Amino acid sequence: LQLTDRVSFDIRGGEIHGLIGESGCG
């Protein structure tokens, strides 16, 4: 079962990066 599909994101120094989605999105 593939849970995530080619997920890409960056987090820079000192920032707050939000990752949002409904339950079950990964």
mmCIF file of all heavy atoms, coordinates in Angstrom:
data_MODEL
# 
_entry.id   MODEL 
# 
loop_
_atom_site.group_PDB 
_atom_site.id 
_atom_site.type_symbol 
_atom_site.label_atom_id 
_atom_site.label_alt_id 
_atom_site.label_comp_id 
_atom_site.label_asym_id 
_atom_site.label_entity_id 
_atom_site.label_seq_id 
_atom_site.pdbx_PDB_ins_code 
_atom_site.Cartn_x 
_atom_site.Cartn_y 
_atom_site.Cartn_z 
_atom_site.occupancy 
_atom_site.B_iso_or_equiv 
_atom_site.pdbx_formal_charge 
_atom_site.auth_seq_id 
_atom_site.auth_comp_id 
_atom_site.auth_asym_id 
_atom_site.auth_atom_id 
_atom_site.pdbx_PDB_model_num 
ATOM 1   N N   . LEU A 1 1  ? 0.842   -1.186 0.000   1.00 0.00 ? 1  LEU A N   1 
ATOM 2   C CA  . LEU A 1 1  ? 0.000   0.000  0.000   1.00 0.00 ? 1  LEU A CA  1 
ATOM 3   C C   . LEU A 1 1  ? 0.879   1.238  0.000   1.00 0.00 ? 1  LEU A C   1 
ATOM 4   O O   . LEU A 1 1  ? 1.743   1.403  0.869   1.00 0.00 ? 1  LEU A O   1 
ATOM 5   C CB  . LEU A 1 1  ? -0.901  0.020  1.240   1.00 0.00 ? 1  LEU A CB  1 
ATOM 6   C CG  . LEU A 1 1  ? -1.989  -1.044 1.339   1.00 0.00 ? 1  LEU A CG  1 
ATOM 7   C CD1 . LEU A 1 1  ? -2.770  -0.866 2.623   1.00 0.00 ? 1  LEU A CD1 1 
ATOM 8   C CD2 . LEU A 1 1  ? -2.925  -0.977 0.142   1.00 0.00 ? 1  LEU A CD2 1 
ATOM 9   N N   . GLN A 1 2  ? 0.678   2.118  -0.969  1.00 0.00 ? 2  GLN A N   1 
ATOM 10  C CA  . GLN A 1 2  ? 1.449   3.349  -1.034  1.00 0.00 ? 2  GLN A CA  1 
ATOM 11  C C   . GLN A 1 2  ? 0.737   4.427  -0.239  1.00 0.00 ? 2  GLN A C   1 
ATOM 12  O O   . GLN A 1 2  ? -0.400  4.793  -0.534  1.00 0.00 ? 2  GLN A O   1 
ATOM 13  C CB  . GLN A 1 2  ? 1.639   3.799  -2.491  1.00 0.00 ? 2  GLN A CB  1 
ATOM 14  C CG  . GLN A 1 2  ? 2.593   4.992  -2.605  1.00 0.00 ? 2  GLN A CG  1 
ATOM 15  C CD  . GLN A 1 2  ? 2.992   5.276  -4.035  1.00 0.00 ? 2  GLN A CD  1 
ATOM 16  O OE1 . GLN A 1 2  ? 2.790   4.457  -4.920  1.00 0.00 ? 2  GLN A OE1 1 
ATOM 17  N NE2 . GLN A 1 2  ? 3.561   6.449  -4.270  1.00 0.00 ? 2  GLN A NE2 1 
ATOM 18  N N   . LEU A 1 3  ? 1.412   4.953  0.784   1.00 0.00 ? 3  LEU A N   1 
ATOM 19  C CA  . LEU A 1 3  ? 0.811   5.924  1.691   1.00 0.00 ? 3  LEU A CA  1 
ATOM 20  C C   . LEU A 1 3  ? 1.040   7.357  1.247   1.00 0.00 ? 3  LEU A C   1 
ATOM 21  O O   . LEU A 1 3  ? 0.184   8.221  1.463   1.00 0.00 ? 3  LEU A O   1 
ATOM 22  C CB  . LEU A 1 3  ? 1.362   5.731  3.105   1.00 0.00 ? 3  LEU A CB  1 
ATOM 23  C CG  . LEU A 1 3  ? 1.228   4.323  3.688   1.00 0.00 ? 3  LEU A CG  1 
ATOM 24  C CD1 . LEU A 1 3  ? 1.833   4.280  5.085   1.00 0.00 ? 3  LEU A CD1 1 
ATOM 25  C CD2 . LEU A 1 3  ? -0.229  3.893  3.736   1.00 0.00 ? 3  LEU A CD2 1 
ATOM 26  N N   . THR A 1 4  ? 2.218   7.638  0.679   1.00 0.00 ? 4  THR A N   1 
ATOM 27  C CA  . THR A 1 4  ? 2.499   8.972  0.139   1.00 0.00 ? 4  THR A CA  1 
ATOM 28  C C   . THR A 1 4  ? 3.046   8.834  -1.275  1.00 0.00 ? 4  THR A C   1 
ATOM 29  O O   . THR A 1 4  ? 3.677   7.825  -1.607  1.00 0.00 ? 4  THR A O   1 
ATOM 30  C CB  . THR A 1 4  ? 3.502   9.755  1.002   1.00 0.00 ? 4  THR A CB  1 
ATOM 31  O OG1 . THR A 1 4  ? 4.792   9.121  0.932   1.00 0.00 ? 4  THR A OG1 1 
ATOM 32  C CG2 . THR A 1 4  ? 3.056   9.811  2.450   1.00 0.00 ? 4  THR A CG2 1 
ATOM 33  N N   . ASP A 1 5  ? 2.810   9.853  -2.083  1.00 0.00 ? 5  ASP A N   1 
ATOM 34  C CA  . ASP A 1 5  ? 3.168   9.803  -3.497  1.00 0.00 ? 5  ASP A CA  1 
ATOM 35  C C   . ASP A 1 5  ? 3.979   11.036 -3.879  1.00 0.00 ? 5  ASP A C   1 
ATOM 36  O O   . ASP A 1 5  ? 3.436   12.128 -4.026  1.00 0.00 ? 5  ASP A O   1 
ATOM 37  C CB  . ASP A 1 5  ? 1.889   9.720  -4.338  1.00 0.00 ? 5  ASP A CB  1 
ATOM 38  C CG  . ASP A 1 5  ? 2.176   9.660  -5.835  1.00 0.00 ? 5  ASP A CG  1 
ATOM 39  O OD1 . ASP A 1 5  ? 3.324   9.340  -6.213  1.00 0.00 ? 5  ASP A OD1 1 
ATOM 40  O OD2 . ASP A 1 5  ? 1.254   9.938  -6.619  1.00 0.00 ? 5  ASP A OD2 1 
ATOM 41  N N   . ARG A 1 6  ? 5.309   10.876 -3.963  1.00 0.00 ? 6  ARG A N   1 
ATOM 42  C CA  . ARG A 1 6  ? 6.215   11.924 -4.435  1.00 0.00 ? 6  ARG A CA  1 
ATOM 43  C C   . ARG A 1 6  ? 6.009   13.255 -3.709  1.00 0.00 ? 6  ARG A C   1 
ATOM 44  O O   . ARG A 1 6  ? 5.885   14.308 -4.318  1.00 0.00 ? 6  ARG A O   1 
ATOM 45  C CB  . ARG A 1 6  ? 6.060   12.115 -5.944  1.00 0.00 ? 6  ARG A CB  1 
ATOM 46  C CG  . ARG A 1 6  ? 6.432   10.873 -6.758  1.00 0.00 ? 6  ARG A CG  1 
ATOM 47  C CD  . ARG A 1 6  ? 6.175   11.086 -8.235  1.00 0.00 ? 6  ARG A CD  1 
ATOM 48  N NE  . ARG A 1 6  ? 4.762   11.253 -8.510  1.00 0.00 ? 6  ARG A NE  1 
ATOM 49  C CZ  . ARG A 1 6  ? 4.270   11.641 -9.681  1.00 0.00 ? 6  ARG A CZ  1 
ATOM 50  N NH1 . ARG A 1 6  ? 5.083   11.903 -10.684 1.00 0.00 ? 6  ARG A NH1 1 
ATOM 51  N NH2 . ARG A 1 6  ? 2.969   11.767 -9.850  1.00 0.00 ? 6  ARG A NH2 1 
ATOM 52  N N   . VAL A 1 7  ? 5.978   13.180 -2.386  1.00 0.00 ? 7  VAL A N   1 
ATOM 53  C CA  . VAL A 1 7  ? 5.786   14.372 -1.559  1.00 0.00 ? 7  VAL A CA  1 
ATOM 54  C C   . VAL A 1 7  ? 7.068   15.201 -1.539  1.00 0.00 ? 7  VAL A C   1 
ATOM 55  O O   . VAL A 1 7  ? 8.153   14.674 -1.294  1.00 0.00 ? 7  VAL A O   1 
ATOM 56  C CB  . VAL A 1 7  ? 5.391   13.968 -0.128  1.00 0.00 ? 7  VAL A CB  1 
ATOM 57  C CG1 . VAL A 1 7  ? 5.483   15.151 0.825   1.00 0.00 ? 7  VAL A CG1 1 
ATOM 58  C CG2 . VAL A 1 7  ? 3.988   13.378 -0.127  1.00 0.00 ? 7  VAL A CG2 1 
ATOM 59  N N   . SER A 1 8  ? 6.938   16.507 -1.805  1.00 0.00 ? 8  SER A N   1 
ATOM 60  C CA  . SER A 1 8  ? 8.094   17.405 -1.795  1.00 0.00 ? 8  SER A CA  1 
ATOM 61  C C   . SER A 1 8  ? 7.734   18.723 -1.123  1.00 0.00 ? 8  SER A C   1 
ATOM 62  O O   . SER A 1 8  ? 6.701   19.322 -1.441  1.00 0.00 ? 8  SER A O   1 
ATOM 63  C CB  . SER A 1 8  ? 8.583   17.693 -3.224  1.00 0.00 ? 8  SER A CB  1 
ATOM 64  O OG  . SER A 1 8  ? 9.048   16.532 -3.867  1.00 0.00 ? 8  SER A OG  1 
ATOM 65  N N   . PHE A 1 9  ? 8.570   19.138 -0.191  1.00 0.00 ? 9  PHE A N   1 
ATOM 66  C CA  . PHE A 1 9  ? 8.457   20.483 0.386   1.00 0.00 ? 9  PHE A CA  1 
ATOM 67  C C   . PHE A 1 9  ? 9.760   20.811 1.096   1.00 0.00 ? 9  PHE A C   1 
ATOM 68  O O   . PHE A 1 9  ? 10.564  19.922 1.393   1.00 0.00 ? 9  PHE A O   1 
ATOM 69  C CB  . PHE A 1 9  ? 7.266   20.608 1.348   1.00 0.00 ? 9  PHE A CB  1 
ATOM 70  C CG  . PHE A 1 9  ? 7.309   19.681 2.529   1.00 0.00 ? 9  PHE A CG  1 
ATOM 71  C CD1 . PHE A 1 9  ? 7.938   20.050 3.707   1.00 0.00 ? 9  PHE A CD1 1 
ATOM 72  C CD2 . PHE A 1 9  ? 6.699   18.427 2.474   1.00 0.00 ? 9  PHE A CD2 1 
ATOM 73  C CE1 . PHE A 1 9  ? 7.971   19.196 4.796   1.00 0.00 ? 9  PHE A CE1 1 
ATOM 74  C CE2 . PHE A 1 9  ? 6.721   17.568 3.558   1.00 0.00 ? 9  PHE A CE2 1 
ATOM 75  C CZ  . PHE A 1 9  ? 7.362   17.948 4.718   1.00 0.00 ? 9  PHE A CZ  1 
ATOM 76  N N   . ASP A 1 10 ? 9.982   22.097 1.319   1.00 0.00 ? 10 ASP A N   1 
ATOM 77  C CA  . ASP A 1 10 ? 11.179  22.583 2.005   1.00 0.00 ? 10 ASP A CA  1 
ATOM 78  C C   . ASP A 1 10 ? 10.788  23.272 3.305   1.00 0.00 ? 10 ASP A C   1 
ATOM 79  O O   . ASP A 1 10 ? 9.674   23.784 3.429   1.00 0.00 ? 10 ASP A O   1 
ATOM 80  C CB  . ASP A 1 10 ? 11.923  23.608 1.160   1.00 0.00 ? 10 ASP A CB  1 
ATOM 81  C CG  . ASP A 1 10 ? 12.658  22.987 -0.013  1.00 0.00 ? 10 ASP A CG  1 
ATOM 82  O OD1 . ASP A 1 10 ? 12.571  21.764 -0.203  1.00 0.00 ? 10 ASP A OD1 1 
ATOM 83  O OD2 . ASP A 1 10 ? 13.303  23.740 -0.730  1.00 0.00 ? 10 ASP A OD2 1 
ATOM 84  N N   . ILE A 1 11 ? 11.718  23.307 4.241   1.00 0.00 ? 11 ILE A N   1 
ATOM 85  C CA  . ILE A 1 11 ? 11.557  24.128 5.439   1.00 0.00 ? 11 ILE A CA  1 
ATOM 86  C C   . ILE A 1 11 ? 12.815  24.966 5.589   1.00 0.00 ? 11 ILE A C   1 
ATOM 87  O O   . ILE A 1 11 ? 13.925  24.439 5.656   1.00 0.00 ? 11 ILE A O   1 
ATOM 88  C CB  . ILE A 1 11 ? 11.339  23.270 6.699   1.00 0.00 ? 11 ILE A CB  1 
ATOM 89  C CG1 . ILE A 1 11 ? 10.077  22.411 6.546   1.00 0.00 ? 11 ILE A CG1 1 
ATOM 90  C CG2 . ILE A 1 11 ? 11.224  24.163 7.926   1.00 0.00 ? 11 ILE A CG2 1 
ATOM 91  C CD1 . ILE A 1 11 ? 9.812   21.492 7.714   1.00 0.00 ? 11 ILE A CD1 1 
ATOM 92  N N   . ARG A 1 12 ? 12.639  26.259 5.613   1.00 0.00 ? 12 ARG A N   1 
ATOM 93  C CA  . ARG A 1 12 ? 13.769  27.172 5.742   1.00 0.00 ? 12 ARG A CA  1 
ATOM 94  C C   . ARG A 1 12 ? 14.102  27.414 7.206   1.00 0.00 ? 12 ARG A C   1 
ATOM 95  O O   . ARG A 1 12 ? 13.288  27.161 8.097   1.00 0.00 ? 12 ARG A O   1 
ATOM 96  C CB  . ARG A 1 12 ? 13.431  28.508 5.069   1.00 0.00 ? 12 ARG A CB  1 
ATOM 97  C CG  . ARG A 1 12 ? 13.097  28.405 3.590   1.00 0.00 ? 12 ARG A CG  1 
ATOM 98  C CD  . ARG A 1 12 ? 12.521  29.707 3.100   1.00 0.00 ? 12 ARG A CD  1 
ATOM 99  N NE  . ARG A 1 12 ? 12.074  29.614 1.708   1.00 0.00 ? 12 ARG A NE  1 
ATOM 100 C CZ  . ARG A 1 12 ? 11.204  30.444 1.162   1.00 0.00 ? 12 ARG A CZ  1 
ATOM 101 N NH1 . ARG A 1 12 ? 10.673  31.419 1.872   1.00 0.00 ? 12 ARG A NH1 1 
ATOM 102 N NH2 . ARG A 1 12 ? 10.853  30.309 -0.107  1.00 0.00 ? 12 ARG A NH2 1 
ATOM 103 N N   . GLY A 1 13 ? 15.278  27.927 7.446   1.00 0.00 ? 13 GLY A N   1 
ATOM 104 C CA  . GLY A 1 13 ? 15.689  28.225 8.804   1.00 0.00 ? 13 GLY A CA  1 
ATOM 105 C C   . GLY A 1 13 ? 14.817  29.305 9.428   1.00 0.00 ? 13 GLY A C   1 
ATOM 106 O O   . GLY A 1 13 ? 14.596  30.355 8.834   1.00 0.00 ? 13 GLY A O   1 
ATOM 107 N N   . GLY A 1 14 ? 14.300  29.035 10.640  1.00 0.00 ? 14 GLY A N   1 
ATOM 108 C CA  . GLY A 1 14 ? 13.549  30.029 11.385  1.00 0.00 ? 14 GLY A CA  1 
ATOM 109 C C   . GLY A 1 14 ? 12.107  30.225 10.973  1.00 0.00 ? 14 GLY A C   1 
ATOM 110 O O   . GLY A 1 14 ? 11.437  31.115 11.500  1.00 0.00 ? 14 GLY A O   1 
ATOM 111 N N   . GLU A 1 15 ? 11.585  29.407 10.051  1.00 0.00 ? 15 GLU A N   1 
ATOM 112 C CA  . GLU A 1 15 ? 10.206  29.601 9.599   1.00 0.00 ? 15 GLU A CA  1 
ATOM 113 C C   . GLU A 1 15 ? 9.274   28.555 10.209  1.00 0.00 ? 15 GLU A C   1 
ATOM 114 O O   . GLU A 1 15 ? 9.697   27.492 10.659  1.00 0.00 ? 15 GLU A O   1 
ATOM 115 C CB  . GLU A 1 15 ? 10.108  29.532 8.075   1.00 0.00 ? 15 GLU A CB  1 
ATOM 116 C CG  . GLU A 1 15 ? 10.106  28.124 7.518   1.00 0.00 ? 15 GLU A CG  1 
ATOM 117 C CD  . GLU A 1 15 ? 9.649   28.073 6.056   1.00 0.00 ? 15 GLU A CD  1 
ATOM 118 O OE1 . GLU A 1 15 ? 9.301   29.117 5.485   1.00 0.00 ? 15 GLU A OE1 1 
ATOM 119 O OE2 . GLU A 1 15 ? 9.670   26.968 5.491   1.00 0.00 ? 15 GLU A OE2 1 
ATOM 120 N N   . ILE A 1 16 ? 7.984   28.886 10.198  1.00 0.00 ? 16 ILE A N   1 
ATOM 121 C CA  . ILE A 1 16 ? 6.942   27.928 10.549  1.00 0.00 ? 16 ILE A CA  1 
ATOM 122 C C   . ILE A 1 16 ? 6.267   27.500 9.259   1.00 0.00 ? 16 ILE A C   1 
ATOM 123 O O   . ILE A 1 16 ? 5.663   28.317 8.562   1.00 0.00 ? 16 ILE A O   1 
ATOM 124 C CB  . ILE A 1 16 ? 5.913   28.541 11.517  1.00 0.00 ? 16 ILE A CB  1 
ATOM 125 C CG1 . ILE A 1 16 ? 6.595   28.960 12.822  1.00 0.00 ? 16 ILE A CG1 1 
ATOM 126 C CG2 . ILE A 1 16 ? 4.795   27.546 11.804  1.00 0.00 ? 16 ILE A CG2 1 
ATOM 127 C CD1 . ILE A 1 16 ? 5.668   29.638 13.809  1.00 0.00 ? 16 ILE A CD1 1 
ATOM 128 N N   . HIS A 1 17 ? 6.416   26.222 8.925   1.00 0.00 ? 17 HIS A N   1 
ATOM 129 C CA  . HIS A 1 17 ? 5.847   25.688 7.684   1.00 0.00 ? 17 HIS A CA  1 
ATOM 130 C C   . HIS A 1 17 ? 4.660   24.806 8.046   1.00 0.00 ? 17 HIS A C   1 
ATOM 131 O O   . HIS A 1 17 ? 4.795   23.836 8.789   1.00 0.00 ? 17 HIS A O   1 
ATOM 132 C CB  . HIS A 1 17 ? 6.896   24.875 6.924   1.00 0.00 ? 17 HIS A CB  1 
ATOM 133 C CG  . HIS A 1 17 ? 6.479   24.493 5.536   1.00 0.00 ? 17 HIS A CG  1 
ATOM 134 N ND1 . HIS A 1 17 ? 7.112   24.980 4.415   1.00 0.00 ? 17 HIS A ND1 1 
ATOM 135 C CD2 . HIS A 1 17 ? 5.477   23.694 5.089   1.00 0.00 ? 17 HIS A CD2 1 
ATOM 136 C CE1 . HIS A 1 17 ? 6.514   24.487 3.328   1.00 0.00 ? 17 HIS A CE1 1 
ATOM 137 N NE2 . HIS A 1 17 ? 5.515   23.704 3.727   1.00 0.00 ? 17 HIS A NE2 1 
ATOM 138 N N   . GLY A 1 18 ? 3.496   25.157 7.526   1.00 0.00 ? 18 GLY A N   1 
ATOM 139 C CA  . GLY A 1 18 ? 2.289   24.407 7.819   1.00 0.00 ? 18 GLY A CA  1 
ATOM 140 C C   . GLY A 1 18 ? 2.072   23.272 6.832   1.00 0.00 ? 18 GLY A C   1 
ATOM 141 O O   . GLY A 1 18 ? 2.259   23.445 5.633   1.00 0.00 ? 18 GLY A O   1 
ATOM 142 N N   . LEU A 1 19 ? 1.702   22.099 7.340   1.00 0.00 ? 19 LEU A N   1 
ATOM 143 C CA  . LEU A 1 19 ? 1.311   20.956 6.509   1.00 0.00 ? 19 LEU A CA  1 
ATOM 144 C C   . LEU A 1 19 ? -0.115  20.608 6.900   1.00 0.00 ? 19 LEU A C   1 
ATOM 145 O O   . LEU A 1 19 ? -0.379  20.186 8.020   1.00 0.00 ? 19 LEU A O   1 
ATOM 146 C CB  . LEU A 1 19 ? 2.248   19.779 6.752   1.00 0.00 ? 19 LEU A CB  1 
ATOM 147 C CG  . LEU A 1 19 ? 2.053   18.529 5.884   1.00 0.00 ? 19 LEU A CG  1 
ATOM 148 C CD1 . LEU A 1 19 ? 2.250   18.855 4.411   1.00 0.00 ? 19 LEU A CD1 1 
ATOM 149 C CD2 . LEU A 1 19 ? 3.013   17.422 6.304   1.00 0.00 ? 19 LEU A CD2 1 
ATOM 150 N N   . ILE A 1 20 ? -1.039  20.809 5.955   1.00 0.00 ? 20 ILE A N   1 
ATOM 151 C CA  . ILE A 1 20 ? -2.462  20.719 6.295   1.00 0.00 ? 20 ILE A CA  1 
ATOM 152 C C   . ILE A 1 20 ? -3.177  19.718 5.405   1.00 0.00 ? 20 ILE A C   1 
ATOM 153 O O   . ILE A 1 20 ? -2.759  19.465 4.264   1.00 0.00 ? 20 ILE A O   1 
ATOM 154 C CB  . ILE A 1 20 ? -3.126  22.107 6.188   1.00 0.00 ? 20 ILE A CB  1 
ATOM 155 C CG1 . ILE A 1 20 ? -4.526  22.096 6.799   1.00 0.00 ? 20 ILE A CG1 1 
ATOM 156 C CG2 . ILE A 1 20 ? -3.182  22.596 4.730   1.00 0.00 ? 20 ILE A CG2 1 
ATOM 157 C CD1 . ILE A 1 20 ? -5.124  23.470 6.985   1.00 0.00 ? 20 ILE A CD1 1 
ATOM 158 N N   . GLY A 1 21 ? -4.245  19.140 5.924   1.00 0.00 ? 21 GLY A N   1 
ATOM 159 C CA  . GLY A 1 21 ? -5.064  18.195 5.184   1.00 0.00 ? 21 GLY A CA  1 
ATOM 160 C C   . GLY A 1 21 ? -5.934  17.423 6.164   1.00 0.00 ? 21 GLY A C   1 
ATOM 161 O O   . GLY A 1 21 ? -5.691  17.431 7.376   1.00 0.00 ? 21 GLY A O   1 
ATOM 162 N N   . GLU A 1 22 ? -6.949  16.746 5.644   1.00 0.00 ? 22 GLU A N   1 
ATOM 163 C CA  . GLU A 1 22 ? -7.828  15.944 6.496   1.00 0.00 ? 22 GLU A CA  1 
ATOM 164 C C   . GLU A 1 22 ? -7.087  14.717 7.035   1.00 0.00 ? 22 GLU A C   1 
ATOM 165 O O   . GLU A 1 22 ? -6.010  14.358 6.558   1.00 0.00 ? 22 GLU A O   1 
ATOM 166 C CB  . GLU A 1 22 ? -9.049  15.493 5.695   1.00 0.00 ? 22 GLU A CB  1 
ATOM 167 C CG  . GLU A 1 22 ? -9.941  16.621 5.222   1.00 0.00 ? 22 GLU A CG  1 
ATOM 168 C CD  . GLU A 1 22 ? -10.953 16.125 4.207   1.00 0.00 ? 22 GLU A CD  1 
ATOM 169 O OE1 . GLU A 1 22 ? -12.036 15.688 4.626   1.00 0.00 ? 22 GLU A OE1 1 
ATOM 170 O OE2 . GLU A 1 22 ? -10.656 16.179 2.996   1.00 0.00 ? 22 GLU A OE2 1 
ATOM 171 N N   . SER A 1 23 ? -7.694  14.082 8.007   1.00 0.00 ? 23 SER A N   1 
ATOM 172 C CA  . SER A 1 23 ? -7.138  12.828 8.523   1.00 0.00 ? 23 SER A CA  1 
ATOM 173 C C   . SER A 1 23 ? -7.063  11.802 7.397   1.00 0.00 ? 23 SER A C   1 
ATOM 174 O O   . SER A 1 23 ? -7.999  11.657 6.615   1.00 0.00 ? 23 SER A O   1 
ATOM 175 C CB  . SER A 1 23 ? -8.024  12.282 9.654   1.00 0.00 ? 23 SER A CB  1 
ATOM 176 O OG  . SER A 1 23 ? -8.054  13.175 10.738  1.00 0.00 ? 23 SER A OG  1 
ATOM 177 N N   . GLY A 1 24 ? -5.941  11.087 7.326   1.00 0.00 ? 24 GLY A N   1 
ATOM 178 C CA  . GLY A 1 24 ? -5.758  10.081 6.293   1.00 0.00 ? 24 GLY A CA  1 
ATOM 179 C C   . GLY A 1 24 ? -5.078  10.585 5.046   1.00 0.00 ? 24 GLY A C   1 
ATOM 180 O O   . GLY A 1 24 ? -4.901  9.826  4.084   1.00 0.00 ? 24 GLY A O   1 
ATOM 181 N N   . CYS A 1 25 ? -4.635  11.848 5.050   1.00 0.00 ? 25 CYS A N   1 
ATOM 182 C CA  . CYS A 1 25 ? -3.978  12.404 3.854   1.00 0.00 ? 25 CYS A CA  1 
ATOM 183 C C   . CYS A 1 25 ? -2.490  12.071 3.786   1.00 0.00 ? 25 CYS A C   1 
ATOM 184 O O   . CYS A 1 25 ? -1.879  12.194 2.724   1.00 0.00 ? 25 CYS A O   1 
ATOM 185 C CB  . CYS A 1 25 ? -4.158  13.924 3.809   1.00 0.00 ? 25 CYS A CB  1 
ATOM 186 S SG  . CYS A 1 25 ? -5.806  14.451 3.287   1.00 0.00 ? 25 CYS A SG  1 
ATOM 187 N N   . GLY A 1 26 ? -1.884  11.674 4.908   1.00 0.00 ? 26 GLY A N   1 
ATOM 188 C CA  . GLY A 1 26 ? -0.468  11.310 4.903   1.00 0.00 ? 26 GLY A CA  1 
ATOM 189 C C   . GLY A 1 26 ? 0.428   12.284 5.632   1.00 0.00 ? 26 GLY A C   1 
ATOM 190 O O   . GLY A 1 26 ? 1.655   12.193 5.533   1.00 0.00 ? 26 GLY A O   1 
# 
